[in-house]
Amino acid sequence: AEKKAEKLLFEVGLSGRKNHLPSELSGGERQRVAVARALVNNPSLILADEPTGNLDPANSLMIGKLLFSMAEKYGKTLVLVTHDRKLAAGGDVCYEIKDGTLEKVNLCGEPEGAE
């Protein structure tokens, strides 16, 4: 388990911070740890609820890329809930809740079938 955790920390760029407490990590580093932690037990499905909600734009972009790349690399399904359309646009399929109804959208912006 320790070897697998070390490998995942390396992959998210935090191998040099493995002995640090959460209070010693930045928000972006904590989110990268969360990505590694989400993968450590080899789940089929990764659920991410507002994974970049409290991050600055640079860290948001980095975490988004990391989530999508790790899901692809390890063959996982990623379900991402976000208000960030740029982040959501990285997905294969996007849905939006409008007036209490779930609607499929193209590129997380245009309703399905819109031109």
C-alpha atoms as a PDB file:
ATOM      1  CA  ALA A   1       0.000   0.000   0.000  1.00  0.00           C
ATOM      2  CA  GLU A   2       2.844   2.371   0.849  1.00  0.00           C
ATOM      3  CA  LYS A   3       4.564   1.748  -2.503  1.00  0.00           C
ATOM      4  CA  LYS A   4       1.323   2.420  -4.372  1.00  0.00           C
ATOM      5  CA  ALA A   5       0.734   5.627  -2.383  1.00  0.00           C
ATOM      6  CA  GLU A   6       4.303   6.778  -3.087  1.00  0.00           C
ATOM      7  CA  LYS A   7       3.847   6.070  -6.809  1.00  0.00           C
ATOM      8  CA  LEU A   8       0.624   8.093  -6.929  1.00  0.00           C
ATOM      9  CA  LEU A   9       2.189  10.969  -4.980  1.00  0.00           C
ATOM     10  CA  PHE A  10       5.024  10.977  -7.506  1.00  0.00           C
ATOM     11  CA  GLU A  11       2.508  11.046 -10.376  1.00  0.00           C
ATOM     12  CA  VAL A  12       0.721  14.074  -8.926  1.00  0.00           C
ATOM     13  CA  GLY A  13       4.048  15.816  -8.322  1.00  0.00           C
ATOM     14  CA  LEU A  14       4.158  15.558  -4.541  1.00  0.00           C
ATOM     15  CA  SER A  15       6.705  12.863  -3.758  1.00  0.00           C
ATOM     16  CA  GLY A  16       8.878  15.438  -2.000  1.00  0.00           C
ATOM     17  CA  ARG A  17       6.004  16.435   0.299  1.00  0.00           C
ATOM     18  CA  LYS A  18       4.926  12.973   1.496  1.00  0.00           C
ATOM     19  CA  ASN A  19       5.911  13.614   5.129  1.00  0.00           C
ATOM     20  CA  HIS A  20       4.138  16.983   5.382  1.00  0.00           C
ATOM     21  CA  LEU A  21       0.955  17.543   7.356  1.00  0.00           C
ATOM     22  CA  PRO A  22      -2.135  18.817   5.510  1.00  0.00           C
ATOM     23  CA  SER A  23      -1.726  22.194   7.237  1.00  0.00           C
ATOM     24  CA  GLU A  24       1.700  22.469   5.594  1.00  0.00           C
ATOM     25  CA  LEU A  25       0.301  22.027   2.071  1.00  0.00           C
ATOM     26  CA  SER A  26      -1.202  24.659  -0.213  1.00  0.00           C
ATOM     27  CA  GLY A  27      -4.764  24.325  -1.503  1.00  0.00           C
ATOM     28  CA  GLY A  28      -3.514  23.036  -4.843  1.00  0.00           C
ATOM     29  CA  GLU A  29      -1.263  20.498  -3.153  1.00  0.00           C
ATOM     30  CA  ARG A  30      -4.165  19.288  -1.002  1.00  0.00           C
ATOM     31  CA  GLN A  31      -6.278  18.801  -4.116  1.00  0.00           C
ATOM     32  CA  ARG A  32      -3.472  16.806  -5.773  1.00  0.00           C
ATOM     33  CA  VAL A  33      -3.312  14.608  -2.666  1.00  0.00           C
ATOM     34  CA  ALA A  34      -7.083  14.147  -2.998  1.00  0.00           C
ATOM     35  CA  VAL A  35      -6.630  12.933  -6.588  1.00  0.00           C
ATOM     36  CA  ALA A  36      -3.975  10.428  -5.482  1.00  0.00           C
ATOM     37  CA  ARG A  37      -6.138   9.342  -2.553  1.00  0.00           C
ATOM     38  CA  ALA A  38      -9.106   8.834  -4.901  1.00  0.00           C
ATOM     39  CA  LEU A  39      -7.050   6.423  -7.014  1.00  0.00           C
ATOM     40  CA  VAL A  40      -5.190   4.487  -4.306  1.00  0.00           C
ATOM     41  CA  ASN A  41      -7.870   1.792  -3.905  1.00  0.00           C
ATOM     42  CA  ASN A  42      -8.278   1.351  -7.671  1.00  0.00           C
ATOM     43  CA  PRO A  43     -11.961   2.362  -7.948  1.00  0.00           C
ATOM     44  CA  SER A  44     -13.902   1.998 -11.189  1.00  0.00           C
ATOM     45  CA  LEU A  45     -15.552   5.370 -10.645  1.00  0.00           C
ATOM     46  CA  ILE A  46     -14.117   8.677  -9.419  1.00  0.00           C
ATOM     47  CA  LEU A  47     -16.628  11.193  -8.065  1.00  0.00           C
ATOM     48  CA  ALA A  48     -15.362  14.786  -7.909  1.00  0.00           C
ATOM     49  CA  ASP A  49     -17.652  17.440  -6.426  1.00  0.00           C
ATOM     50  CA  GLU A  50     -16.338  20.960  -7.145  1.00  0.00           C
ATOM     51  CA  PRO A  51     -12.685  19.820  -7.110  1.00  0.00           C
ATOM     52  CA  THR A  52     -11.436  23.277  -8.091  1.00  0.00           C
ATOM     53  CA  GLY A  53     -13.998  25.427  -6.272  1.00  0.00           C
ATOM     54  CA  ASN A  54     -11.546  26.957  -3.788  1.00  0.00           C
ATOM     55  CA  LEU A  55      -8.508  27.227  -6.036  1.00  0.00           C
ATOM     56  CA  ASP A  56      -6.962  30.068  -7.997  1.00  0.00           C
ATOM     57  CA  PRO A  57      -7.191  29.871 -11.833  1.00  0.00           C
ATOM     58  CA  ALA A  58      -3.706  28.375 -12.307  1.00  0.00           C
ATOM     59  CA  ASN A  59      -4.272  25.597  -9.750  1.00  0.00           C
ATOM     60  CA  SER A  60      -7.796  25.007 -11.085  1.00  0.00           C
ATOM     61  CA  LEU A  61      -6.423  24.385 -14.553  1.00  0.00           C
ATOM     62  CA  MET A  62      -3.704  22.085 -13.212  1.00  0.00           C
ATOM     63  CA  ILE A  63      -6.122  20.040 -11.081  1.00  0.00           C
ATOM     64  CA  GLY A  64      -8.585  19.734 -13.971  1.00  0.00           C
ATOM     65  CA  LYS A  65      -5.892  18.458 -16.313  1.00  0.00           C
ATOM     66  CA  LEU A  66      -4.643  16.094 -13.611  1.00  0.00           C
ATOM     67  CA  LEU A  67      -8.104  14.621 -12.955  1.00  0.00           C
ATOM     68  CA  PHE A  68      -8.822  13.989 -16.621  1.00  0.00           C
ATOM     69  CA  SER A  69      -5.345  12.620 -17.380  1.00  0.00           C
ATOM     70  CA  MET A  70      -5.288  10.284 -14.369  1.00  0.00           C
ATOM     71  CA  ALA A  71      -8.787   8.991 -15.153  1.00  0.00           C
ATOM     72  CA  GLU A  72      -7.694   8.294 -18.726  1.00  0.00           C
ATOM     73  CA  LYS A  73      -4.348   6.776 -17.744  1.00  0.00           C
ATOM     74  CA  TYR A  74      -5.929   4.385 -15.263  1.00  0.00           C
ATOM     75  CA  GLY A  75      -9.079   3.686 -17.310  1.00  0.00           C
ATOM     76  CA  LYS A  76     -11.473   5.193 -14.744  1.00  0.00           C
ATOM     77  CA  THR A  77     -14.842   6.825 -15.199  1.00  0.00           C
ATOM     78  CA  LEU A  78     -14.814  10.372 -13.863  1.00  0.00           C
ATOM     79  CA  VAL A  79     -18.039  12.036 -12.765  1.00  0.00           C
ATOM     80  CA  LEU A  80     -17.341  15.698 -12.170  1.00  0.00           C
ATOM     81  CA  VAL A  81     -19.766  18.226 -10.679  1.00  0.00           C
ATOM     82  CA  THR A  82     -18.743  21.841 -11.217  1.00  0.00           C
ATOM     83  CA  HIS A  83     -19.898  25.362 -11.953  1.00  0.00           C
ATOM     84  CA  ASP A  84     -16.731  25.879 -14.047  1.00  0.00           C
ATOM     85  CA  ARG A  85     -17.722  25.457 -17.700  1.00  0.00           C
ATOM     86  CA  LYS A  86     -14.078  25.395 -18.831  1.00  0.00           C
ATOM     87  CA  LEU A  87     -13.386  22.481 -16.517  1.00  0.00           C
ATOM     88  CA  ALA A  88     -16.594  20.688 -17.499  1.00  0.00           C
ATOM     89  CA  ALA A  89     -15.776  21.105 -21.201  1.00  0.00           C
ATOM     90  CA  GLY A  90     -12.956  18.584 -20.737  1.00  0.00           C
ATOM     91  CA  GLY A  91     -15.502  15.821 -20.291  1.00  0.00           C
ATOM     92  CA  ASP A  92     -16.888  13.495 -22.934  1.00  0.00           C
ATOM     93  CA  VAL A  93     -20.515  14.109 -21.966  1.00  0.00           C
ATOM     94  CA  CYS A  94     -21.912  17.125 -20.135  1.00  0.00           C
ATOM     95  CA  TYR A  95     -25.203  17.697 -18.378  1.00  0.00           C
ATOM     96  CA  GLU A  96     -26.677  20.813 -16.864  1.00  0.00           C
ATOM     97  CA  ILE A  97     -29.488  21.221 -14.363  1.00  0.00           C
ATOM     98  CA  LYS A  98     -32.047  23.763 -15.613  1.00  0.00           C
ATOM     99  CA  ASP A  99     -35.275  24.420 -13.742  1.00  0.00           C
ATOM    100  CA  GLY A 100     -34.861  21.146 -11.857  1.00  0.00           C
ATOM    101  CA  THR A 101     -34.350  19.113 -15.044  1.00  0.00           C
ATOM    102  CA  LEU A 102     -31.151  17.406 -16.154  1.00  0.00           C
ATOM    103  CA  GLU A 103     -30.299  18.356 -19.766  1.00  0.00           C
ATOM    104  CA  LYS A 104     -27.503  17.032 -21.932  1.00  0.00           C
ATOM    105  CA  VAL A 105     -25.436  19.879 -23.406  1.00  0.00           C
ATOM    106  CA  ASN A 106     -22.773  20.144 -26.098  1.00  0.00           C
ATOM    107  CA  LEU A 107     -19.425  21.411 -24.841  1.00  0.00           C
ATOM    108  CA  CYS A 108     -21.136  22.280 -21.569  1.00  0.00           C
ATOM    109  CA  GLY A 109     -22.616  25.408 -23.099  1.00  0.00           C
ATOM    110  CA  GLU A 110     -25.120  24.820 -25.822  1.00  0.00           C
ATOM    111  CA  PRO A 111     -28.261  22.711 -25.311  1.00  0.00           C
ATOM    112  CA  GLU A 112     -28.209  19.429 -27.246  1.00  0.00           C
ATOM    113  CA  GLY A 113     -29.345  20.072 -30.832  1.00  0.00           C
ATOM    114  CA  ALA A 114     -28.746  23.856 -30.652  1.00  0.00           C
ATOM    115  CA  GLU A 115     -26.806  25.546 -33.400  1.00  0.00           C
END
